[in-house]
Protein backbone atom coordinates (compact mmCIF):
# COMPACT_ATOMS: atom_id res chain seq x y z
CA MET A 1 117.85 83.03 101.63
CA SER A 2 119.63 84.94 98.89
CA GLU A 3 120.72 88.56 99.16
CA ARG A 4 117.81 89.50 96.89
CA GLY A 5 115.40 87.54 99.03
CA ALA A 6 116.71 89.19 102.17
CA LEU A 7 116.41 92.63 100.56
CA ARG A 8 112.87 91.86 99.40
CA THR A 9 111.93 90.76 102.92
CA ARG A 10 113.40 93.94 104.43
CA LEU A 11 111.56 96.11 101.89
CA GLU A 12 108.28 94.29 102.57
CA LEU A 13 108.72 94.82 106.32
CA LEU A 14 109.54 98.50 105.73
CA ALA A 15 106.46 98.86 103.49
CA ARG A 16 104.25 97.36 106.23
CA GLU A 17 105.82 99.65 108.80
CA VAL A 18 105.27 102.71 106.59
CA ALA A 19 101.64 101.66 105.96
CA LYS A 20 100.93 101.23 109.69
CA PHE A 21 102.74 104.47 110.52
CA GLY A 22 100.71 106.19 107.80
CA ALA A 23 97.41 104.78 109.07
CA VAL A 24 98.05 105.96 112.63
CA GLY A 25 99.35 109.25 111.25
CA ALA A 26 96.25 109.69 109.08
CA PHE A 27 93.98 109.30 112.11
CA GLY A 28 96.31 111.60 114.04
CA LEU A 29 96.03 114.13 111.20
CA LEU A 30 92.24 113.99 111.43
CA VAL A 31 92.42 114.51 115.20
CA ASN A 32 94.90 117.37 114.74
CA ILE A 33 92.88 119.18 112.07
CA ALA A 34 89.55 118.62 113.86
CA VAL A 35 90.87 119.97 117.18
CA PHE A 36 92.63 122.86 115.38
CA ASN A 37 89.48 123.93 113.57
CA LEU A 38 87.32 123.40 116.66
CA LEU A 39 89.63 125.66 118.68
CA ARG A 40 89.88 128.14 115.85
CA HIS A 41 86.13 128.55 115.47
CA THR A 42 84.96 128.23 119.09
CA THR A 43 87.66 130.15 120.98
CA ASP A 44 89.60 133.38 120.63
CA LEU A 45 92.95 131.56 120.56
CA GLN A 46 95.48 132.77 118.04
CA VAL A 47 96.23 130.46 115.12
CA VAL A 48 99.60 129.22 116.34
CA ARG A 49 98.37 128.57 119.89
CA ALA A 50 95.40 126.60 118.56
CA SER A 51 97.82 124.64 116.39
CA VAL A 52 100.11 123.81 119.34
CA LEU A 53 97.19 122.53 121.43
CA ALA A 54 95.81 120.48 118.53
CA THR A 55 99.25 119.02 117.87
CA PHE A 56 99.60 118.04 121.54
CA VAL A 57 96.26 116.18 121.46
CA ALA A 58 97.32 114.40 118.23
CA ILE A 59 100.70 113.46 119.75
CA LEU A 60 98.96 111.69 122.64
CA PHE A 61 96.66 109.90 120.21
CA ASN A 62 99.59 108.88 118.01
CA TYR A 63 101.66 107.50 120.89
CA VAL A 64 98.92 105.03 121.76
CA GLY A 65 98.58 104.00 118.09
CA PHE A 66 102.30 103.64 117.50
CA ARG A 67 103.06 101.76 120.72
CA TYR A 68 100.12 99.36 120.61
CA TRP A 69 99.76 98.82 116.88
CA THR A 70 102.53 100.07 114.57
CA TYR A 71 105.45 99.13 116.81
CA ARG A 72 103.81 96.60 119.13
CA GLU A 73 106.48 93.95 118.42
CA ARG A 74 109.34 96.32 119.18
CA ASP A 75 111.30 96.45 122.41
CA LYS A 76 109.02 97.25 125.33
CA THR A 77 111.69 97.62 127.99
CA GLY A 78 112.52 101.09 129.16
CA ARG A 79 109.09 102.67 128.72
CA THR A 80 110.23 105.81 130.54
CA ARG A 81 113.08 106.23 128.06
CA GLU A 82 110.73 105.47 125.17
CA LEU A 83 108.10 107.98 126.28
CA THR A 84 110.73 110.64 126.99
CA LEU A 85 112.27 110.25 123.53
CA PHE A 86 108.82 110.12 121.92
CA LEU A 87 107.84 113.39 123.57
CA LEU A 88 111.21 114.98 122.71
CA PHE A 89 111.02 114.06 119.01
CA SER A 90 107.31 114.88 118.92
CA ALA A 91 108.10 118.33 120.32
CA ALA A 92 110.75 118.80 117.61
CA GLY A 93 108.16 117.77 115.02
CA ALA A 94 105.69 120.22 116.57
CA VAL A 95 108.27 123.01 116.22
CA ILE A 96 108.68 122.12 112.52
CA GLU A 97 104.91 121.93 111.99
CA THR A 98 104.15 125.13 113.90
CA GLY A 99 107.11 126.93 112.36
CA VAL A 100 105.67 126.48 108.88
CA LEU A 101 102.27 127.79 110.05
CA TYR A 102 103.91 130.66 111.94
CA LEU A 103 105.95 131.68 108.90
CA ALA A 104 102.89 131.60 106.64
CA THR A 105 100.69 133.47 109.13
CA TYR A 106 103.04 136.11 110.49
CA GLY A 107 105.74 136.17 107.84
CA PHE A 108 103.52 136.30 104.77
CA GLY A 109 100.17 137.34 106.26
CA TRP A 110 98.36 134.23 104.96
CA ASN A 111 95.75 133.92 107.68
CA THR A 112 92.45 132.88 106.11
CA PRO A 113 90.97 129.61 107.40
CA LEU A 114 91.82 127.89 104.10
CA GLN A 115 95.40 129.18 104.10
CA SER A 116 95.87 128.23 107.76
CA ASN A 117 94.67 124.68 107.06
CA ILE A 118 96.87 124.35 103.98
CA PHE A 119 100.01 125.46 105.80
CA LYS A 120 99.15 123.39 108.85
CA ILE A 121 98.96 120.31 106.59
CA VAL A 122 102.22 121.26 104.83
CA GLY A 123 103.90 121.60 108.24
CA ILE A 124 102.49 118.25 109.35
CA GLY A 125 103.83 116.63 106.17
CA ILE A 126 107.36 117.91 106.73
CA ALA A 127 107.24 117.04 110.45
CA THR A 128 105.94 113.55 109.63
CA LEU A 129 109.07 112.71 107.66
CA PHE A 130 111.20 113.76 110.63
CA ARG A 131 109.01 111.86 113.09
CA PHE A 132 109.04 108.64 111.05
CA TRP A 133 112.83 108.64 110.94
CA SER A 134 113.27 109.54 114.61
CA TYR A 135 110.62 107.18 116.00
CA ARG A 136 111.87 104.13 114.13
CA THR A 137 115.53 104.96 114.78
CA TRP A 138 115.50 106.14 118.39
CA VAL A 139 112.15 105.56 120.09
CA PHE A 140 110.69 102.20 119.04
CA LYS A 141 113.91 100.22 118.67
CA THR A 142 113.90 96.82 117.01
CA LEU A 143 114.54 93.78 119.12
CA PRO A 144 117.87 92.04 118.48
CA ALA A 145 117.59 89.21 115.97
CA THR A 146 118.02 85.72 117.33
CA GLU A 147 120.81 83.73 115.74
CA THR A 148 119.37 80.90 113.76
CA LYS A 149 121.12 78.31 111.66
CA GLU A 150 119.76 79.98 108.52
CA THR A 151 121.20 83.36 109.55
CA VAL A 152 124.61 81.84 110.22
CA VAL A 153 124.58 79.91 106.92
CA ASN A 154 123.62 83.07 105.01
CA ALA A 155 126.38 85.06 106.68
CA GLU A 156 128.96 82.38 105.89
CA ARG A 157 127.79 82.19 102.28
CA PHE A 158 127.97 85.98 101.96
CA LEU A 159 131.50 86.08 103.39
CA GLU A 160 132.62 83.20 101.17
CA GLN A 161 131.48 85.08 98.06
CA ARG A 162 133.53 88.14 99.08
CA ARG A 163 136.78 86.20 99.52
CA PRO A 164 139.26 86.14 96.61
CA ALA A 165 139.05 82.88 94.60
CA GLU A 166 142.54 81.66 95.59
CA GLU A 167 141.61 81.86 99.30
CA ARG A 168 138.38 79.92 98.97
CA VAL A 169 138.43 76.46 100.44
CA ALA A 170 136.30 73.61 99.26
CA PRO A 171 133.49 72.83 101.71
CA ASP A 172 134.36 70.27 104.32
CA PRO A 173 132.14 67.20 103.63
CA VAL A 174 132.30 66.24 107.29
CA ARG A 175 130.79 69.58 108.47
CA ASN A 176 127.88 69.49 106.05
């Protein structure tokens, strides 16, 4: 496989991952907004407290979606570590999300239902970027690639191209 082909494959895999992450996240967003508005209109909870509870419900929903669909082929060893990191990074995302809503509500006095929903969604958007990076980097780690003949051949070809011309050796007909 050429370098371009390898890059194309990596970009296609990343695009699929982003699409799956986005699909789970979209359902999580619906859960988050629905629970937030339900709490907002049926209880006397303050805006930020309702947001924190809604975010917690969405985090639980998202973990199931990410583990069993988006990242189902990723390393499944160390579930305790995985869940701990997931909750840690989810909490950091919740701080980002709630911080935006808190700033809008208490810093600027934007507290109408429409404004609260807008800033909740803005906070979710910013937190989602952080969560995507942290989940794929630290939580749902990729499995190590198995060494195949094609991988080794590609690596040798890549290294051969990087060597100065005077150091290159003609291929050994016996090895091929």
